[in-house]
């Protein structure tokens, strides 16, 4: 059903071959296509895995294993390690 005002966002298709797609009018929200590990130095993040599999490496050898549809809230230093290729919705709130 299509009523009212709305915009279809095919998030997995918006993810570029490399880098990130920042969603207009949604500060701190972007879609990433990951093919190799990326480190995050700090702050608070919310991740929603759209495609693939993703390991979130945490300090002390702990990790989270995300599958499509899974989400994780992380605070502090961590690394995103895709298994193969992963498409992730990442939100870093400004406060």
PDB file of N, CA and C in Angstrom:
ATOM      1  N   UNK A   1       0.838  -1.170   0.000  1.00  0.00           N
ATOM      2  CA  UNK A   1       0.000   0.000   0.000  1.00  0.00           C
ATOM      3  C   UNK A   1       0.881   1.230   0.000  1.00  0.00           C
ATOM      4  N   UNK A   2       0.529   2.214  -0.796  1.00  0.00           N
ATOM      5  CA  UNK A   2       1.328   3.413  -0.923  1.00  0.00           C
ATOM      6  C   UNK A   2       0.451   4.625  -0.662  1.00  0.00           C
ATOM      7  N   UNK A   3       0.524   5.162   0.538  1.00  0.00           N
ATOM      8  CA  UNK A   3      -0.260   6.332   0.881  1.00  0.00           C
ATOM      9  C   UNK A   3       0.564   7.272   1.719  1.00  0.00           C
ATOM     10  N   UNK A   4       0.170   8.512   1.799  1.00  0.00           N
ATOM     11  CA  UNK A   4       0.914   9.475   2.596  1.00  0.00           C
ATOM     12  C   UNK A   4       2.244   9.788   1.950  1.00  0.00           C
ATOM     13  N   UNK A   5       3.132  10.386   2.735  1.00  0.00           N
ATOM     14  CA  UNK A   5       4.449  10.682   2.185  1.00  0.00           C
ATOM     15  C   UNK A   5       5.443   9.677   2.748  1.00  0.00           C
ATOM     16  N   UNK A   6       6.262   9.177   1.902  1.00  0.00           N
ATOM     17  CA  UNK A   6       7.255   8.192   2.310  1.00  0.00           C
ATOM     18  C   UNK A   6       8.263   8.008   1.199  1.00  0.00           C
ATOM     19  N   UNK A   7       9.381   7.414   1.561  1.00  0.00           N
ATOM     20  CA  UNK A   7      10.438   7.156   0.594  1.00  0.00           C
ATOM     21  C   UNK A   7      10.925   5.738   0.782  1.00  0.00           C
ATOM     22  N   UNK A   8      10.951   4.982  -0.288  1.00  0.00           N
ATOM     23  CA  UNK A   8      11.488   3.632  -0.250  1.00  0.00           C
ATOM     24  C   UNK A   8      13.009   3.711  -0.239  1.00  0.00           C
ATOM     25  N   UNK A   9      13.627   3.032   0.720  1.00  0.00           N
ATOM     26  CA  UNK A   9      15.082   3.019   0.833  1.00  0.00           C
ATOM     27  C   UNK A   9      15.589   1.587   0.727  1.00  0.00           C
ATOM     28  N   UNK A  10      15.974   1.160  -0.486  1.00  0.00           N
ATOM     29  CA  UNK A  10      16.522  -0.193  -0.636  1.00  0.00           C
ATOM     30  C   UNK A  10      17.955  -0.231  -0.088  1.00  0.00           C
ATOM     31  N   UNK A  11      18.082  -0.337   1.222  1.00  0.00           N
ATOM     32  CA  UNK A  11      19.360  -0.125   1.894  1.00  0.00           C
ATOM     33  C   UNK A  11      20.490  -0.997   1.364  1.00  0.00           C
ATOM     34  N   UNK A  12      20.241  -2.272   1.152  1.00  0.00           N
ATOM     35  CA  UNK A  12      21.321  -3.153   0.692  1.00  0.00           C
ATOM     36  C   UNK A  12      21.827  -2.718  -0.680  1.00  0.00           C
ATOM     37  N   UNK A  13      20.943  -2.205  -1.526  1.00  0.00           N
ATOM     38  CA  UNK A  13      21.370  -1.748  -2.860  1.00  0.00           C
ATOM     39  C   UNK A  13      22.037  -0.380  -2.809  1.00  0.00           C
ATOM     40  N   UNK A  14      21.770   0.403  -1.767  1.00  0.00           N
ATOM     41  CA  UNK A  14      22.393   1.720  -1.641  1.00  0.00           C
ATOM     42  C   UNK A  14      23.856   1.625  -1.230  1.00  0.00           C
ATOM     43  N   UNK A  15      24.232   0.520  -0.628  1.00  0.00           N
ATOM     44  CA  UNK A  15      25.618   0.365  -0.163  1.00  0.00           C
ATOM     45  C   UNK A  15      26.557   0.374  -1.364  1.00  0.00           C
ATOM     46  N   UNK A  16      27.535   1.252  -1.342  1.00  0.00           N
ATOM     47  CA  UNK A  16      28.470   1.330  -2.465  1.00  0.00           C
ATOM     48  C   UNK A  16      29.409   0.133  -2.498  1.00  0.00           C
ATOM     49  N   UNK A  17      30.148   0.007  -3.593  1.00  0.00           N
ATOM     50  CA  UNK A  17      31.143  -1.052  -3.697  1.00  0.00           C
ATOM     51  C   UNK A  17      32.223  -0.922  -2.635  1.00  0.00           C
ATOM     52  N   UNK A  18      32.596   0.295  -2.311  1.00  0.00           N
ATOM     53  CA  UNK A  18      33.562   0.600  -1.250  1.00  0.00           C
ATOM     54  C   UNK A  18      33.056   1.822  -0.505  1.00  0.00           C
ATOM     55  N   UNK A  19      33.332   1.906   0.761  1.00  0.00           N
ATOM     56  CA  UNK A  19      32.955   3.082   1.527  1.00  0.00           C
ATOM     57  C   UNK A  19      31.560   2.996   2.092  1.00  0.00           C
ATOM     58  N   UNK A  20      30.907   4.164   2.202  1.00  0.00           N
ATOM     59  CA  UNK A  20      29.618   4.227   2.867  1.00  0.00           C
ATOM     60  C   UNK A  20      28.677   5.160   2.114  1.00  0.00           C
ATOM     61  N   UNK A  21      27.388   4.904   2.259  1.00  0.00           N
ATOM     62  CA  UNK A  21      26.347   5.790   1.755  1.00  0.00           C
ATOM     63  C   UNK A  21      25.692   6.440   2.966  1.00  0.00           C
ATOM     64  N   UNK A  22      25.783   7.762   3.052  1.00  0.00           N
ATOM     65  CA  UNK A  22      25.171   8.475   4.166  1.00  0.00           C
ATOM     66  C   UNK A  22      23.750   8.841   3.793  1.00  0.00           C
ATOM     67  N   UNK A  23      22.820   8.536   4.681  1.00  0.00           N
ATOM     68  CA  UNK A  23      21.422   8.809   4.416  1.00  0.00           C
ATOM     69  C   UNK A  23      21.109  10.280   4.660  1.00  0.00           C
ATOM     70  N   UNK A  24      20.624  10.975   3.622  1.00  0.00           N
ATOM     71  CA  UNK A  24      20.319  12.402   3.781  1.00  0.00           C
ATOM     72  C   UNK A  24      19.257  12.613   4.858  1.00  0.00           C
ATOM     73  N   UNK A  25      19.399  13.686   5.585  1.00  0.00           N
ATOM     74  CA  UNK A  25      18.450  14.078   6.635  1.00  0.00           C
ATOM     75  C   UNK A  25      18.436  13.133   7.835  1.00  0.00           C
ATOM     76  N   UNK A  26      19.374  12.196   7.919  1.00  0.00           N
ATOM     77  CA  UNK A  26      19.491  11.282   9.062  1.00  0.00           C
ATOM     78  C   UNK A  26      20.935  11.333   9.560  1.00  0.00           C
ATOM     79  N   UNK A  27      21.300  12.339  10.331  1.00  0.00           N
ATOM     80  CA  UNK A  27      22.689  12.488  10.782  1.00  0.00           C
ATOM     81  C   UNK A  27      23.206  11.242  11.504  1.00  0.00           C
ATOM     82  N   UNK A  28      24.396  10.839  11.118  1.00  0.00           N
ATOM     83  CA  UNK A  28      25.040   9.695  11.761  1.00  0.00           C
ATOM     84  C   UNK A  28      24.591   8.344  11.268  1.00  0.00           C
ATOM     85  N   UNK A  29      23.652   8.296  10.307  1.00  0.00           N
ATOM     86  CA  UNK A  29      23.132   7.028   9.798  1.00  0.00           C
ATOM     87  C   UNK A  29      23.710   6.773   8.415  1.00  0.00           C
ATOM     88  N   UNK A  30      24.334   5.608   8.247  1.00  0.00           N
ATOM     89  CA  UNK A  30      24.915   5.279   6.944  1.00  0.00           C
ATOM     90  C   UNK A  30      24.859   3.789   6.692  1.00  0.00           C
ATOM     91  N   UNK A  31      25.000   3.425   5.422  1.00  0.00           N
ATOM     92  CA  UNK A  31      25.004   2.030   4.998  1.00  0.00           C
ATOM     93  C   UNK A  31      26.409   1.707   4.508  1.00  0.00           C
ATOM     94  N   UNK A  32      26.981   0.621   5.030  1.00  0.00           N
ATOM     95  CA  UNK A  32      28.347   0.205   4.677  1.00  0.00           C
ATOM     96  C   UNK A  32      28.328  -1.142   3.972  1.00  0.00           C
ATOM     97  N   UNK A  33      29.131  -1.277   2.949  1.00  0.00           N
ATOM     98  CA  UNK A  33      29.416  -2.590   2.369  1.00  0.00           C
ATOM     99  C   UNK A  33      30.852  -2.908   2.777  1.00  0.00           C
ATOM    100  N   UNK A  34      31.005  -3.889   3.644  1.00  0.00           N
ATOM    101  CA  UNK A  34      32.324  -4.220   4.190  1.00  0.00           C
ATOM    102  C   UNK A  34      32.891  -5.457   3.512  1.00  0.00           C
ATOM    103  N   UNK A  35      34.142  -5.360   3.116  1.00  0.00           N
ATOM    104  CA  UNK A  35      34.860  -6.499   2.540  1.00  0.00           C
ATOM    105  C   UNK A  35      36.103  -6.839   3.353  1.00  0.00           C
ATOM    106  N   UNK A  36      36.461  -5.925   4.269  1.00  0.00           N
ATOM    107  CA  UNK A  36      37.613  -6.159   5.162  1.00  0.00           C
ATOM    108  C   UNK A  36      37.327  -5.479   6.491  1.00  0.00           C
ATOM    109  N   UNK A  37      38.094  -5.817   7.474  1.00  0.00           N
ATOM    110  CA  UNK A  37      37.870  -5.317   8.840  1.00  0.00           C
ATOM    111  C   UNK A  37      38.057  -3.800   8.907  1.00  0.00           C
ATOM    112  N   UNK A  38      37.242  -3.174   9.752  1.00  0.00           N
ATOM    113  CA  UNK A  38      37.353  -1.742  10.022  1.00  0.00           C
ATOM    114  C   UNK A  38      37.284  -1.532  11.527  1.00  0.00           C
ATOM    115  N   UNK A  39      38.167  -0.684  12.038  1.00  0.00           N
ATOM    116  CA  UNK A  39      38.188  -0.397  13.470  1.00  0.00           C
ATOM    117  C   UNK A  39      37.365   0.840  13.782  1.00  0.00           C
ATOM    118  N   UNK A  40      36.778   0.841  14.971  1.00  0.00           N
ATOM    119  CA  UNK A  40      36.076   2.003  15.499  1.00  0.00           C
ATOM    120  C   UNK A  40      36.750   2.350  16.813  1.00  0.00           C
ATOM    121  N   UNK A  41      37.153   3.596  16.969  1.00  0.00           N
ATOM    122  CA  UNK A  41      37.956   4.010  18.129  1.00  0.00           C
ATOM    123  C   UNK A  41      37.137   4.297  19.374  1.00  0.00           C
ATOM    124  N   UNK A  42      35.900   4.621  19.260  1.00  0.00           N
ATOM    125  CA  UNK A  42      35.123   4.914  20.454  1.00  0.00           C
ATOM    126  C   UNK A  42      33.781   5.510  20.097  1.00  0.00           C
ATOM    127  N   UNK A  43      33.032   5.838  21.099  1.00  0.00           N
ATOM    128  CA  UNK A  43      31.698   6.358  20.876  1.00  0.00           C
ATOM    129  C   UNK A  43      30.665   5.263  21.047  1.00  0.00           C
ATOM    130  N   UNK A  44      29.451   5.596  20.689  1.00  0.00           N
ATOM    131  CA  UNK A  44      28.335   4.658  20.802  1.00  0.00           C
ATOM    132  C   UNK A  44      27.795   4.410  19.407  1.00  0.00           C
ATOM    133  N   UNK A  45      27.543   3.141  19.074  1.00  0.00           N
ATOM    134  CA  UNK A  45      27.090   2.744  17.747  1.00  0.00           C
ATOM    135  C   UNK A  45      25.943   1.757  17.858  1.00  0.00           C
ATOM    136  N   UNK A  46      25.076   1.792  16.856  1.00  0.00           N
ATOM    137  CA  UNK A  46      24.060   0.763  16.672  1.00  0.00           C
ATOM    138  C   UNK A  46      24.271   0.185  15.280  1.00  0.00           C
ATOM    139  N   UNK A  47      24.333  -1.129  15.200  1.00  0.00           N
ATOM    140  CA  UNK A  47      24.508  -1.823  13.914  1.00  0.00           C
ATOM    141  C   UNK A  47      23.319  -2.732  13.658  1.00  0.00           C
ATOM    142  N   UNK A  48      22.847  -2.740  12.413  1.00  0.00           N
ATOM    143  CA  UNK A  48      21.839  -3.695  11.962  1.00  0.00           C
ATOM    144  C   UNK A  48      22.425  -4.358  10.726  1.00  0.00           C
ATOM    145  N   UNK A  49      22.568  -5.679  10.775  1.00  0.00           N
ATOM    146  CA  UNK A  49      23.139  -6.396   9.648  1.00  0.00           C
ATOM    147  C   UNK A  49      22.045  -6.674   8.611  1.00  0.00           C
ATOM    148  N   UNK A  50      22.284  -6.222   7.378  1.00  0.00           N
ATOM    149  CA  UNK A  50      21.313  -6.381   6.295  1.00  0.00           C
ATOM    150  C   UNK A  50      21.611  -7.606   5.442  1.00  0.00           C
ATOM    151  N   UNK A  51      22.885  -7.836   5.139  1.00  0.00           N
ATOM    152  CA  UNK A  51      23.295  -8.986   4.312  1.00  0.00           C
ATOM    153  C   UNK A  51      24.625  -9.523   4.804  1.00  0.00           C
ATOM    154  N   UNK A  52      24.849 -10.815   4.610  1.00  0.00           N
ATOM    155  CA  UNK A  52      26.118 -11.444   4.960  1.00  0.00           C
ATOM    156  C   UNK A  52      26.187 -11.809   6.432  1.00  0.00           C
ATOM    157  N   UNK A  53      27.425 -11.942   6.914  1.00  0.00           N
ATOM    158  CA  UNK A  53      27.683 -12.219   8.332  1.00  0.00           C
ATOM    159  C   UNK A  53      28.773 -11.271   8.805  1.00  0.00           C
ATOM    160  N   UNK A  54      28.695 -10.913  10.078  1.00  0.00           N
ATOM    161  CA  UNK A  54      29.622  -9.933  10.621  1.00  0.00           C
ATOM    162  C   UNK A  54      30.040 -10.331  12.029  1.00  0.00           C
ATOM    163  N   UNK A  55      31.335 -10.253  12.286  1.00  0.00           N
ATOM    164  CA  UNK A  55      31.859 -10.391  13.643  1.00  0.00           C
ATOM    165  C   UNK A  55      32.183  -8.995  14.149  1.00  0.00           C
ATOM    166  N   UNK A  56      31.744  -8.696  15.359  1.00  0.00           N
ATOM    167  CA  UNK A  56      32.134  -7.453  16.020  1.00  0.00           C
ATOM    168  C   UNK A  56      33.106  -7.849  17.113  1.00  0.00           C
ATOM    169  N   UNK A  57      34.374  -7.505  16.898  1.00  0.00           N
ATOM    170  CA  UNK A  57      35.435  -7.855  17.831  1.00  0.00           C
ATOM    171  C   UNK A  57      35.483  -6.818  18.942  1.00  0.00           C
ATOM    172  N   UNK A  58      35.393  -7.296  20.180  1.00  0.00           N
ATOM    173  CA  UNK A  58      35.367  -6.447  21.361  1.00  0.00           C
ATOM    174  C   UNK A  58      36.662  -6.616  22.150  1.00  0.00           C
ATOM    175  N   UNK A  59      36.972  -5.694  23.044  1.00  0.00           N
ATOM    176  CA  UNK A  59      38.185  -5.829  23.856  1.00  0.00           C
ATOM    177  C   UNK A  59      38.178  -7.126  24.668  1.00  0.00           C
ATOM    178  N   UNK A  60      39.367  -7.636  24.930  1.00  0.00           N
ATOM    179  CA  UNK A  60      39.516  -8.826  25.767  1.00  0.00           C
ATOM    180  C   UNK A  60      39.198 -10.131  25.057  1.00  0.00           C
ATOM    181  N   UNK A  61      39.114 -10.108  23.725  1.00  0.00           N
ATOM    182  CA  UNK A  61      38.865 -11.342  22.973  1.00  0.00           C
ATOM    183  C   UNK A  61      37.399 -11.705  22.814  1.00  0.00           C
ATOM    184  N   UNK A  62      36.486 -10.914  23.364  1.00  0.00           N
ATOM    185  CA  UNK A  62      35.052 -11.184  23.191  1.00  0.00           C
ATOM    186  C   UNK A  62      34.615 -10.735  21.796  1.00  0.00           C
ATOM    187  N   UNK A  63      33.511 -11.287  21.327  1.00  0.00           N
ATOM    188  CA  UNK A  63      32.982 -10.882  20.023  1.00  0.00           C
ATOM    189  C   UNK A  63      31.483 -11.175  19.969  1.00  0.00           C
ATOM    190  N   UNK A  64      30.824 -10.535  19.009  1.00  0.00           N
ATOM    191  CA  UNK A  64      29.428 -10.814  18.682  1.00  0.00           C
ATOM    192  C   UNK A  64      29.383 -11.288  17.239  1.00  0.00           C
ATOM    193  N   UNK A  65      28.556 -12.269  16.950  1.00  0.00           N
ATOM    194  CA  UNK A  65      28.404 -12.804  15.598  1.00  0.00           C
ATOM    195  C   UNK A  65      27.005 -12.429  15.118  1.00  0.00           C
ATOM    196  N   UNK A  66      26.923 -11.526  14.139  1.00  0.00           N
ATOM    197  CA  UNK A  66      25.640 -11.078  13.625  1.00  0.00           C
ATOM    198  C   UNK A  66      25.314 -11.763  12.306  1.00  0.00           C
ATOM    199  N   UNK A  67      24.024 -12.096  12.180  1.00  0.00           N
ATOM    200  CA  UNK A  67      23.472 -12.645  10.936  1.00  0.00           C
ATOM    201  C   UNK A  67      22.391 -11.683  10.465  1.00  0.00           C
ATOM    202  N   UNK A  68      21.955 -11.758   9.207  1.00  0.00           N
ATOM    203  CA  UNK A  68      20.974 -10.790   8.694  1.00  0.00           C
ATOM    204  C   UNK A  68      19.773 -10.641   9.629  1.00  0.00           C
ATOM    205  N   UNK A  69      19.441  -9.382   9.895  1.00  0.00           N
ATOM    206  CA  UNK A  69      18.336  -9.068  10.792  1.00  0.00           C
ATOM    207  C   UNK A  69      18.765  -8.844  12.228  1.00  0.00           C
ATOM    208  N   UNK A  70      19.991  -9.255  12.579  1.00  0.00           N
ATOM    209  CA  UNK A  70      20.501  -9.044  13.932  1.00  0.00           C
ATOM    210  C   UNK A  70      20.959  -7.597  14.099  1.00  0.00           C
ATOM    211  N   UNK A  71      20.890  -7.119  15.334  1.00  0.00           N
ATOM    212  CA  UNK A  71      21.351  -5.775  15.663  1.00  0.00           C
ATOM    213  C   UNK A  71      22.207  -5.845  16.916  1.00  0.00           C
ATOM    214  N   UNK A  72      23.099  -4.868  17.065  1.00  0.00           N
ATOM    215  CA  UNK A  72      23.951  -4.796  18.254  1.00  0.00           C
ATOM    216  C   UNK A  72      24.215  -3.339  18.590  1.00  0.00           C
ATOM    217  N   UNK A  73      24.179  -3.043  19.875  1.00  0.00           N
ATOM    218  CA  UNK A  73      24.557  -1.726  20.371  1.00  0.00           C
ATOM    219  C   UNK A  73      25.913  -1.867  21.032  1.00  0.00           C
ATOM    220  N   UNK A  74      26.872  -1.056  20.591  1.00  0.00           N
ATOM    221  CA  UNK A  74      28.250  -1.164  21.062  1.00  0.00           C
ATOM    222  C   UNK A  74      28.716   0.204  21.534  1.00  0.00           C
ATOM    223  N   UNK A  75      29.432   0.205  22.644  1.00  0.00           N
ATOM    224  CA  UNK A  75      30.033   1.439  23.122  1.00  0.00           C
ATOM    225  C   UNK A  75      31.509   1.185  23.350  1.00  0.00           C
ATOM    226  N   UNK A  76      32.338   2.085  22.853  1.00  0.00           N
ATOM    227  CA  UNK A  76      33.779   1.963  23.033  1.00  0.00           C
ATOM    228  C   UNK A  76      34.463   1.365  21.819  1.00  0.00           C
ATOM    229  N   UNK A  77      35.717   1.043  22.003  1.00  0.00           N
ATOM    230  CA  UNK A  77      36.555   0.538  20.924  1.00  0.00           C
ATOM    231  C   UNK A  77      36.106  -0.851  20.482  1.00  0.00           C
ATOM    232  N   UNK A  78      36.088  -1.089  19.151  1.00  0.00           N
ATOM    233  CA  UNK A  78      35.711  -2.383  18.585  1.00  0.00           C
ATOM    234  C   UNK A  78      36.109  -2.421  17.111  1.00  0.00           C
ATOM    235  N   UNK A  79      35.981  -3.574  16.505  1.00  0.00           N
ATOM    236  CA  UNK A  79      36.272  -3.726  15.074  1.00  0.00           C
ATOM    237  C   UNK A  79      35.145  -4.500  14.412  1.00  0.00           C
ATOM    238  N   UNK A  80      34.841  -4.121  13.184  1.00  0.00           N
ATOM    239  CA  UNK A  80      33.850  -4.824  12.368  1.00  0.00           C
ATOM    240  C   UNK A  80      34.610  -5.729  11.413  1.00  0.00           C
ATOM    241  N   UNK A  81      34.351  -7.025  11.473  1.00  0.00           N
ATOM    242  CA  UNK A  81      35.058  -7.995  10.634  1.00  0.00           C
ATOM    243  C   UNK A  81      34.039  -8.805   9.846  1.00  0.00           C
ATOM    244  N   UNK A  82      33.855  -8.470   8.557  1.00  0.00           N
ATOM    245  CA  UNK A  82      32.889  -9.227   7.759  1.00  0.00           C
ATOM    246  C   UNK A  82      33.400 -10.627   7.470  1.00  0.00           C
ATOM    247  N   UNK A  83      32.476 -11.562   7.360  1.00  0.00           N
ATOM    248  CA  UNK A  83      32.804 -12.909   6.898  1.00  0.00           C
ATOM    249  C   UNK A  83      32.436 -12.905   5.417  1.00  0.00           C
ATOM    250  N   UNK A  84      33.433 -12.788   4.571  1.00  0.00           N
ATOM    251  CA  UNK A  84      33.184 -12.563   3.147  1.00  0.00           C
ATOM    252  C   UNK A  84      32.847 -11.101   2.944  1.00  0.00           C
ATOM    253  N   UNK A  85      31.584 -10.822   2.641  1.00  0.00           N
ATOM    254  CA  UNK A  85      31.111  -9.447   2.455  1.00  0.00           C
ATOM    255  C   UNK A  85      29.865  -9.249   3.300  1.00  0.00           C
ATOM    256  N   UNK A  86      29.715  -8.071   3.885  1.00  0.00           N
ATOM    257  CA  UNK A  86      28.555  -7.780   4.715  1.00  0.00           C
ATOM    258  C   UNK A  86      28.048  -6.374   4.411  1.00  0.00           C
ATOM    259  N   UNK A  87      26.720  -6.209   4.467  1.00  0.00           N
ATOM    260  CA  UNK A  87      26.106  -4.893   4.331  1.00  0.00           C
ATOM    261  C   UNK A  87      25.487  -4.553   5.683  1.00  0.00           C
ATOM    262  N   UNK A  88      25.883  -3.400   6.223  1.00  0.00           N
ATOM    263  CA  UNK A  88      25.531  -3.024   7.587  1.00  0.00           C
ATOM    264  C   UNK A  88      24.933  -1.622   7.604  1.00  0.00           C
ATOM    265  N   UNK A  89      23.845  -1.471   8.355  1.00  0.00           N
ATOM    266  CA  UNK A  89      23.321  -0.150   8.668  1.00  0.00           C
ATOM    267  C   UNK A  89      23.993   0.265   9.971  1.00  0.00           C
ATOM    268  N   UNK A  90      24.687   1.392   9.948  1.00  0.00           N
ATOM    269  CA  UNK A  90      25.430   1.872  11.114  1.00  0.00           C
ATOM    270  C   UNK A  90      24.863   3.224  11.539  1.00  0.00           C
ATOM    271  N   UNK A  91      24.578   3.359  12.832  1.00  0.00           N
ATOM    272  CA  UNK A  91      24.141   4.645  13.357  1.00  0.00           C
ATOM    273  C   UNK A  91      25.034   5.030  14.512  1.00  0.00           C
ATOM    274  N   UNK A  92      25.598   6.210  14.406  1.00  0.00           N
ATOM    275  CA  UNK A  92      26.393   6.788  15.493  1.00  0.00           C
ATOM    276  C   UNK A  92      25.689   8.070  15.907  1.00  0.00           C
ATOM    277  N   UNK A  93      24.949   8.024  17.024  1.00  0.00           N
ATOM    278  CA  UNK A  93      24.242   9.236  17.448  1.00  0.00           C
ATOM    279  C   UNK A  93      25.208  10.355  17.769  1.00  0.00           C
ATOM    280  N   UNK A  94      24.763  11.569  17.577  1.00  0.00           N
ATOM    281  CA  UNK A  94      25.631  12.722  17.796  1.00  0.00           C
ATOM    282  C   UNK A  94      25.862  13.033  19.270  1.00  0.00           C
ATOM    283  N   UNK A  95      25.008  12.492  20.137  1.00  0.00           N
ATOM    284  CA  UNK A  95      25.211  12.781  21.564  1.00  0.00           C
ATOM    285  C   UNK A  95      25.560  11.537  22.337  1.00  0.00           C
TER     286      UNK A  95
END
